[in-house]
């Protein structure tokens, strides 16, 4: 069941929000409803995509992320 509510927002913020909604091909009420759904759902599950990406870059003992990532890219594109 849907219901109406009143939200008082700064005029400039409202314009920016409407522009954002338009740029993302949605409406402001839908954007707000989706946001409220996201922040009220219990716990965050790891999506299959994120699970599949886990472990792609292996860190060395020192955990030098920049060097390890550069080495990974060098191996991938050679």
PDB file of N, CA and C in Angstrom:
ATOM      1  N   UNK A   1       0.842  -1.170   0.000  1.00  0.00           N
ATOM      2  CA  UNK A   1       0.000   0.000   0.000  1.00  0.00           C
ATOM      3  C   UNK A   1       0.893   1.241   0.000  1.00  0.00           C
ATOM      4  N   UNK A   2       0.617   2.141  -0.871  1.00  0.00           N
ATOM      5  CA  UNK A   2       1.391   3.382  -0.959  1.00  0.00           C
ATOM      6  C   UNK A   2       0.659   4.488  -0.216  1.00  0.00           C
ATOM      7  N   UNK A   3       1.429   5.453   0.272  1.00  0.00           N
ATOM      8  CA  UNK A   3       0.846   6.592   0.961  1.00  0.00           C
ATOM      9  C   UNK A   3       1.652   7.836   0.602  1.00  0.00           C
ATOM     10  N   UNK A   4       1.066   8.988   0.787  1.00  0.00           N
ATOM     11  CA  UNK A   4       1.739  10.253   0.508  1.00  0.00           C
ATOM     12  C   UNK A   4       2.446  10.750   1.763  1.00  0.00           C
ATOM     13  N   UNK A   5       3.492  11.545   1.557  1.00  0.00           N
ATOM     14  CA  UNK A   5       4.123  12.229   2.678  1.00  0.00           C
ATOM     15  C   UNK A   5       4.683  13.552   2.180  1.00  0.00           C
ATOM     16  N   UNK A   6       4.895  14.464   3.093  1.00  0.00           N
ATOM     17  CA  UNK A   6       5.405  15.790   2.762  1.00  0.00           C
ATOM     18  C   UNK A   6       6.850  15.862   3.220  1.00  0.00           C
ATOM     19  N   UNK A   7       7.690  16.377   2.356  1.00  0.00           N
ATOM     20  CA  UNK A   7       9.108  16.506   2.662  1.00  0.00           C
ATOM     21  C   UNK A   7       9.514  17.943   2.361  1.00  0.00           C
ATOM     22  N   UNK A   8      10.047  18.615   3.339  1.00  0.00           N
ATOM     23  CA  UNK A   8      10.505  19.987   3.154  1.00  0.00           C
ATOM     24  C   UNK A   8      12.006  19.961   2.881  1.00  0.00           C
ATOM     25  N   UNK A   9      12.387  20.510   1.714  1.00  0.00           N
ATOM     26  CA  UNK A   9      13.774  20.449   1.269  1.00  0.00           C
ATOM     27  C   UNK A   9      14.184  21.812   0.726  1.00  0.00           C
ATOM     28  N   UNK A  10      15.452  22.137   0.895  1.00  0.00           N
ATOM     29  CA  UNK A  10      16.008  23.362   0.339  1.00  0.00           C
ATOM     30  C   UNK A  10      15.739  23.412  -1.172  1.00  0.00           C
ATOM     31  N   UNK A  11      15.358  24.585  -1.663  1.00  0.00           N
ATOM     32  CA  UNK A  11      14.973  24.745  -3.071  1.00  0.00           C
ATOM     33  C   UNK A  11      16.090  24.326  -4.023  1.00  0.00           C
ATOM     34  N   UNK A  12      17.331  24.728  -3.732  1.00  0.00           N
ATOM     35  CA  UNK A  12      18.457  24.366  -4.602  1.00  0.00           C
ATOM     36  C   UNK A  12      18.704  22.854  -4.587  1.00  0.00           C
ATOM     37  N   UNK A  13      18.587  22.253  -3.415  1.00  0.00           N
ATOM     38  CA  UNK A  13      18.762  20.808  -3.305  1.00  0.00           C
ATOM     39  C   UNK A  13      17.685  20.071  -4.091  1.00  0.00           C
ATOM     40  N   UNK A  14      16.469  20.558  -4.024  1.00  0.00           N
ATOM     41  CA  UNK A  14      15.369  19.937  -4.758  1.00  0.00           C
ATOM     42  C   UNK A  14      15.620  19.984  -6.259  1.00  0.00           C
ATOM     43  N   UNK A  15      16.097  21.120  -6.757  1.00  0.00           N
ATOM     44  CA  UNK A  15      16.400  21.232  -8.185  1.00  0.00           C
ATOM     45  C   UNK A  15      17.486  20.248  -8.576  1.00  0.00           C
ATOM     46  N   UNK A  16      18.546  20.151  -7.762  1.00  0.00           N
ATOM     47  CA  UNK A  16      19.632  19.211  -8.064  1.00  0.00           C
ATOM     48  C   UNK A  16      19.121  17.768  -8.050  1.00  0.00           C
ATOM     49  N   UNK A  17      18.262  17.453  -7.099  1.00  0.00           N
ATOM     50  CA  UNK A  17      17.714  16.100  -7.005  1.00  0.00           C
ATOM     51  C   UNK A  17      16.839  15.780  -8.210  1.00  0.00           C
ATOM     52  N   UNK A  18      16.029  16.733  -8.639  1.00  0.00           N
ATOM     53  CA  UNK A  18      15.193  16.523  -9.830  1.00  0.00           C
ATOM     54  C   UNK A  18      16.054  16.341 -11.070  1.00  0.00           C
ATOM     55  N   UNK A  19      17.104  17.150 -11.189  1.00  0.00           N
ATOM     56  CA  UNK A  19      18.029  17.007 -12.318  1.00  0.00           C
ATOM     57  C   UNK A  19      18.696  15.631 -12.299  1.00  0.00           C
ATOM     58  N   UNK A  20      19.110  15.196 -11.122  1.00  0.00           N
ATOM     59  CA  UNK A  20      19.740  13.881 -10.975  1.00  0.00           C
ATOM     60  C   UNK A  20      18.769  12.781 -11.406  1.00  0.00           C
ATOM     61  N   UNK A  21      17.544  12.866 -10.943  1.00  0.00           N
ATOM     62  CA  UNK A  21      16.538  11.861 -11.296  1.00  0.00           C
ATOM     63  C   UNK A  21      16.311  11.847 -12.805  1.00  0.00           C
ATOM     64  N   UNK A  22      16.172  13.010 -13.396  1.00  0.00           N
ATOM     65  CA  UNK A  22      15.961  13.097 -14.845  1.00  0.00           C
ATOM     66  C   UNK A  22      17.145  12.505 -15.598  1.00  0.00           C
ATOM     67  N   UNK A  23      18.366  12.857 -15.170  1.00  0.00           N
ATOM     68  CA  UNK A  23      19.576  12.349 -15.834  1.00  0.00           C
ATOM     69  C   UNK A  23      19.696  10.827 -15.727  1.00  0.00           C
ATOM     70  N   UNK A  24      19.069  10.260 -14.697  1.00  0.00           N
ATOM     71  CA  UNK A  24      19.120   8.809 -14.487  1.00  0.00           C
ATOM     72  C   UNK A  24      17.819   8.120 -14.909  1.00  0.00           C
ATOM     73  N   UNK A  25      17.026   8.834 -15.700  1.00  0.00           N
ATOM     74  CA  UNK A  25      15.799   8.295 -16.304  1.00  0.00           C
ATOM     75  C   UNK A  25      14.844   7.696 -15.260  1.00  0.00           C
ATOM     76  N   UNK A  26      14.616   8.439 -14.207  1.00  0.00           N
ATOM     77  CA  UNK A  26      13.675   8.027 -13.178  1.00  0.00           C
ATOM     78  C   UNK A  26      12.957   9.261 -12.654  1.00  0.00           C
ATOM     79  N   UNK A  27      12.083   9.056 -11.691  1.00  0.00           N
ATOM     80  CA  UNK A  27      11.391  10.190 -11.069  1.00  0.00           C
ATOM     81  C   UNK A  27      11.951  10.397  -9.678  1.00  0.00           C
ATOM     82  N   UNK A  28      11.750  11.570  -9.150  1.00  0.00           N
ATOM     83  CA  UNK A  28      12.223  11.857  -7.802  1.00  0.00           C
ATOM     84  C   UNK A  28      11.535  10.966  -6.767  1.00  0.00           C
ATOM     85  N   UNK A  29      10.211  10.764  -6.825  1.00  0.00           N
ATOM     86  CA  UNK A  29       9.578   9.853  -5.854  1.00  0.00           C
ATOM     87  C   UNK A  29      10.143   8.425  -5.933  1.00  0.00           C
ATOM     88  N   UNK A  30      10.402   7.943  -7.149  1.00  0.00           N
ATOM     89  CA  UNK A  30      10.967   6.595  -7.308  1.00  0.00           C
ATOM     90  C   UNK A  30      12.385   6.544  -6.752  1.00  0.00           C
ATOM     91  N   UNK A  31      13.150   7.582  -6.983  1.00  0.00           N
ATOM     92  CA  UNK A  31      14.513   7.661  -6.466  1.00  0.00           C
ATOM     93  C   UNK A  31      14.508   7.612  -4.937  1.00  0.00           C
ATOM     94  N   UNK A  32      13.632   8.382  -4.326  1.00  0.00           N
ATOM     95  CA  UNK A  32      13.540   8.403  -2.861  1.00  0.00           C
ATOM     96  C   UNK A  32      13.056   7.061  -2.337  1.00  0.00           C
ATOM     97  N   UNK A  33      12.058   6.461  -3.000  1.00  0.00           N
ATOM     98  CA  UNK A  33      11.547   5.162  -2.565  1.00  0.00           C
ATOM     99  C   UNK A  33      12.645   4.096  -2.652  1.00  0.00           C
ATOM    100  N   UNK A  34      13.407   4.087  -3.736  1.00  0.00           N
ATOM    101  CA  UNK A  34      14.496   3.123  -3.883  1.00  0.00           C
ATOM    102  C   UNK A  34      15.557   3.323  -2.805  1.00  0.00           C
ATOM    103  N   UNK A  35      15.868   4.580  -2.508  1.00  0.00           N
ATOM    104  CA  UNK A  35      16.836   4.880  -1.458  1.00  0.00           C
ATOM    105  C   UNK A  35      16.350   4.347  -0.113  1.00  0.00           C
ATOM    106  N   UNK A  36      15.094   4.591   0.198  1.00  0.00           N
ATOM    107  CA  UNK A  36      14.545   4.121   1.473  1.00  0.00           C
ATOM    108  C   UNK A  36      14.540   2.590   1.542  1.00  0.00           C
ATOM    109  N   UNK A  37      14.257   1.937   0.440  1.00  0.00           N
ATOM    110  CA  UNK A  37      14.318   0.466   0.406  1.00  0.00           C
ATOM    111  C   UNK A  37      15.735  -0.017   0.677  1.00  0.00           C
ATOM    112  N   UNK A  38      16.716   0.648   0.061  1.00  0.00           N
ATOM    113  CA  UNK A  38      18.109   0.242   0.239  1.00  0.00           C
ATOM    114  C   UNK A  38      18.582   0.390   1.682  1.00  0.00           C
ATOM    115  N   UNK A  39      18.220   1.487   2.323  1.00  0.00           N
ATOM    116  CA  UNK A  39      18.745   1.714   3.670  1.00  0.00           C
ATOM    117  C   UNK A  39      17.985   0.945   4.743  1.00  0.00           C
ATOM    118  N   UNK A  40      16.822   0.380   4.397  1.00  0.00           N
ATOM    119  CA  UNK A  40      16.052  -0.338   5.410  1.00  0.00           C
ATOM    120  C   UNK A  40      16.101  -1.850   5.252  1.00  0.00           C
ATOM    121  N   UNK A  41      16.766  -2.354   4.200  1.00  0.00           N
ATOM    122  CA  UNK A  41      16.821  -3.806   4.051  1.00  0.00           C
ATOM    123  C   UNK A  41      17.827  -4.386   5.043  1.00  0.00           C
ATOM    124  N   UNK A  42      17.485  -5.541   5.609  1.00  0.00           N
ATOM    125  CA  UNK A  42      18.354  -6.132   6.627  1.00  0.00           C
ATOM    126  C   UNK A  42      19.629  -6.693   6.033  1.00  0.00           C
ATOM    127  N   UNK A  43      20.774  -6.326   6.610  1.00  0.00           N
ATOM    128  CA  UNK A  43      22.069  -6.876   6.208  1.00  0.00           C
ATOM    129  C   UNK A  43      22.378  -6.710   4.742  1.00  0.00           C
ATOM    130  N   UNK A  44      23.622  -6.668   4.434  1.00  0.00           N
ATOM    131  CA  UNK A  44      24.067  -6.566   3.048  1.00  0.00           C
ATOM    132  C   UNK A  44      24.648  -7.900   2.625  1.00  0.00           C
ATOM    133  N   UNK A  45      24.159  -8.425   1.529  1.00  0.00           N
ATOM    134  CA  UNK A  45      24.693  -9.657   0.987  1.00  0.00           C
ATOM    135  C   UNK A  45      25.725  -9.325  -0.082  1.00  0.00           C
ATOM    136  N   UNK A  46      26.717 -10.183  -0.209  1.00  0.00           N
ATOM    137  CA  UNK A  46      27.716 -10.008  -1.247  1.00  0.00           C
ATOM    138  C   UNK A  46      27.131 -10.570  -2.535  1.00  0.00           C
ATOM    139  N   UNK A  47      27.116  -9.761  -3.565  1.00  0.00           N
ATOM    140  CA  UNK A  47      26.537 -10.184  -4.837  1.00  0.00           C
ATOM    141  C   UNK A  47      27.446 -11.198  -5.525  1.00  0.00           C
ATOM    142  N   UNK A  48      26.893 -12.010  -6.425  1.00  0.00           N
ATOM    143  CA  UNK A  48      27.723 -12.975  -7.155  1.00  0.00           C
ATOM    144  C   UNK A  48      28.877 -12.313  -7.908  1.00  0.00           C
ATOM    145  N   UNK A  49      28.652 -11.114  -8.457  1.00  0.00           N
ATOM    146  CA  UNK A  49      29.716 -10.423  -9.169  1.00  0.00           C
ATOM    147  C   UNK A  49      30.875 -10.105  -8.231  1.00  0.00           C
ATOM    148  N   UNK A  50      30.573  -9.566  -7.052  1.00  0.00           N
ATOM    149  CA  UNK A  50      31.628  -9.230  -6.098  1.00  0.00           C
ATOM    150  C   UNK A  50      32.349 -10.498  -5.650  1.00  0.00           C
ATOM    151  N   UNK A  51      31.609 -11.573  -5.403  1.00  0.00           N
ATOM    152  CA  UNK A  51      32.232 -12.845  -5.027  1.00  0.00           C
ATOM    153  C   UNK A  51      33.187 -13.320  -6.113  1.00  0.00           C
ATOM    154  N   UNK A  52      32.788 -13.168  -7.375  1.00  0.00           N
ATOM    155  CA  UNK A  52      33.637 -13.632  -8.471  1.00  0.00           C
ATOM    156  C   UNK A  52      34.915 -12.812  -8.585  1.00  0.00           C
ATOM    157  N   UNK A  53      34.884 -11.555  -8.155  1.00  0.00           N
ATOM    158  CA  UNK A  53      36.062 -10.700  -8.228  1.00  0.00           C
ATOM    159  C   UNK A  53      37.001 -10.889  -7.042  1.00  0.00           C
ATOM    160  N   UNK A  54      36.510 -11.491  -5.998  1.00  0.00           N
ATOM    161  CA  UNK A  54      37.299 -11.677  -4.783  1.00  0.00           C
ATOM    162  C   UNK A  54      38.508 -12.556  -5.062  1.00  0.00           C
ATOM    163  N   UNK A  55      39.693 -12.070  -4.671  1.00  0.00           N
ATOM    164  CA  UNK A  55      40.907 -12.854  -4.808  1.00  0.00           C
ATOM    165  C   UNK A  55      41.620 -12.696  -6.131  1.00  0.00           C
ATOM    166  N   UNK A  56      41.166 -11.814  -7.010  1.00  0.00           N
ATOM    167  CA  UNK A  56      41.838 -11.629  -8.302  1.00  0.00           C
ATOM    168  C   UNK A  56      43.258 -11.124  -8.102  1.00  0.00           C
ATOM    169  N   UNK A  57      43.423 -10.159  -7.215  1.00  0.00           N
ATOM    170  CA  UNK A  57      44.740  -9.593  -6.955  1.00  0.00           C
ATOM    171  C   UNK A  57      45.267 -10.210  -5.672  1.00  0.00           C
ATOM    172  N   UNK A  58      46.394 -10.907  -5.778  1.00  0.00           N
ATOM    173  CA  UNK A  58      47.016 -11.518  -4.606  1.00  0.00           C
ATOM    174  C   UNK A  58      48.034 -10.544  -4.035  1.00  0.00           C
ATOM    175  N   UNK A  59      47.939 -10.278  -2.741  1.00  0.00           N
ATOM    176  CA  UNK A  59      48.881  -9.387  -2.086  1.00  0.00           C
ATOM    177  C   UNK A  59      50.097 -10.172  -1.628  1.00  0.00           C
ATOM    178  N   UNK A  60      51.256  -9.542  -1.754  1.00  0.00           N
ATOM    179  CA  UNK A  60      52.482 -10.152  -1.252  1.00  0.00           C
ATOM    180  C   UNK A  60      52.549 -10.047   0.257  1.00  0.00           C
ATOM    181  N   UNK A  61      53.623 -10.551   0.833  1.00  0.00           N
ATOM    182  CA  UNK A  61      53.770 -10.534   2.292  1.00  0.00           C
ATOM    183  C   UNK A  61      53.714  -9.112   2.847  1.00  0.00           C
ATOM    184  N   UNK A  62      54.314  -8.156   2.136  1.00  0.00           N
ATOM    185  CA  UNK A  62      54.343  -6.777   2.623  1.00  0.00           C
ATOM    186  C   UNK A  62      53.029  -6.051   2.328  1.00  0.00           C
ATOM    187  N   UNK A  63      52.207  -6.639   1.480  1.00  0.00           N
ATOM    188  CA  UNK A  63      50.924  -6.003   1.186  1.00  0.00           C
ATOM    189  C   UNK A  63      51.071  -4.737   0.371  1.00  0.00           C
ATOM    190  N   UNK A  64      52.065  -4.709  -0.548  1.00  0.00           N
ATOM    191  CA  UNK A  64      52.280  -3.541  -1.393  1.00  0.00           C
ATOM    192  C   UNK A  64      51.286  -3.592  -2.546  1.00  0.00           C
ATOM    193  N   UNK A  65      50.123  -3.023  -2.323  1.00  0.00           N
ATOM    194  CA  UNK A  65      49.021  -3.108  -3.282  1.00  0.00           C
ATOM    195  C   UNK A  65      49.382  -2.509  -4.634  1.00  0.00           C
ATOM    196  N   UNK A  66      50.045  -1.371  -4.660  1.00  0.00           N
ATOM    197  CA  UNK A  66      50.380  -0.724  -5.934  1.00  0.00           C
ATOM    198  C   UNK A  66      51.289  -1.612  -6.778  1.00  0.00           C
ATOM    199  N   UNK A  67      52.338  -2.164  -6.175  1.00  0.00           N
ATOM    200  CA  UNK A  67      53.270  -3.022  -6.915  1.00  0.00           C
ATOM    201  C   UNK A  67      52.581  -4.307  -7.343  1.00  0.00           C
ATOM    202  N   UNK A  68      51.835  -4.929  -6.443  1.00  0.00           N
ATOM    203  CA  UNK A  68      51.150  -6.174  -6.770  1.00  0.00           C
ATOM    204  C   UNK A  68      50.152  -5.979  -7.903  1.00  0.00           C
ATOM    205  N   UNK A  69      49.430  -4.890  -7.878  1.00  0.00           N
ATOM    206  CA  UNK A  69      48.460  -4.631  -8.935  1.00  0.00           C
ATOM    207  C   UNK A  69      49.173  -4.358 -10.253  1.00  0.00           C
ATOM    208  N   UNK A  70      50.263  -3.604 -10.212  1.00  0.00           N
ATOM    209  CA  UNK A  70      51.042  -3.335 -11.426  1.00  0.00           C
ATOM    210  C   UNK A  70      51.580  -4.650 -11.997  1.00  0.00           C
ATOM    211  N   UNK A  71      52.086  -5.527 -11.132  1.00  0.00           N
ATOM    212  CA  UNK A  71      52.586  -6.842 -11.583  1.00  0.00           C
ATOM    213  C   UNK A  71      51.460  -7.655 -12.207  1.00  0.00           C
ATOM    214  N   UNK A  72      50.288  -7.623 -11.597  1.00  0.00           N
ATOM    215  CA  UNK A  72      49.129  -8.340 -12.123  1.00  0.00           C
ATOM    216  C   UNK A  72      48.787  -7.835 -13.525  1.00  0.00           C
ATOM    217  N   UNK A  73      48.743  -6.516 -13.701  1.00  0.00           N
ATOM    218  CA  UNK A  73      48.421  -5.949 -15.003  1.00  0.00           C
ATOM    219  C   UNK A  73      49.497  -6.276 -16.039  1.00  0.00           C
ATOM    220  N   UNK A  74      50.764  -6.238 -15.627  1.00  0.00           N
ATOM    221  CA  UNK A  74      51.839  -6.577 -16.549  1.00  0.00           C
ATOM    222  C   UNK A  74      51.706  -8.015 -17.034  1.00  0.00           C
ATOM    223  N   UNK A  75      51.390  -8.932 -16.126  1.00  0.00           N
ATOM    224  CA  UNK A  75      51.197 -10.333 -16.497  1.00  0.00           C
ATOM    225  C   UNK A  75      49.988 -10.521 -17.382  1.00  0.00           C
ATOM    226  N   UNK A  76      48.936  -9.794 -17.105  1.00  0.00           N
ATOM    227  CA  UNK A  76      47.715  -9.943 -17.867  1.00  0.00           C
ATOM    228  C   UNK A  76      47.846  -9.459 -19.301  1.00  0.00           C
ATOM    229  N   UNK A  77      48.580  -8.371 -19.498  1.00  0.00           N
ATOM    230  CA  UNK A  77      48.633  -7.743 -20.825  1.00  0.00           C
ATOM    231  C   UNK A  77      49.943  -7.993 -21.574  1.00  0.00           C
ATOM    232  N   UNK A  78      50.746  -8.956 -21.153  1.00  0.00           N
ATOM    233  CA  UNK A  78      51.969  -9.286 -21.894  1.00  0.00           C
ATOM    234  C   UNK A  78      51.709 -10.370 -22.874  1.00  0.00           C
TER     235      UNK A  78
END
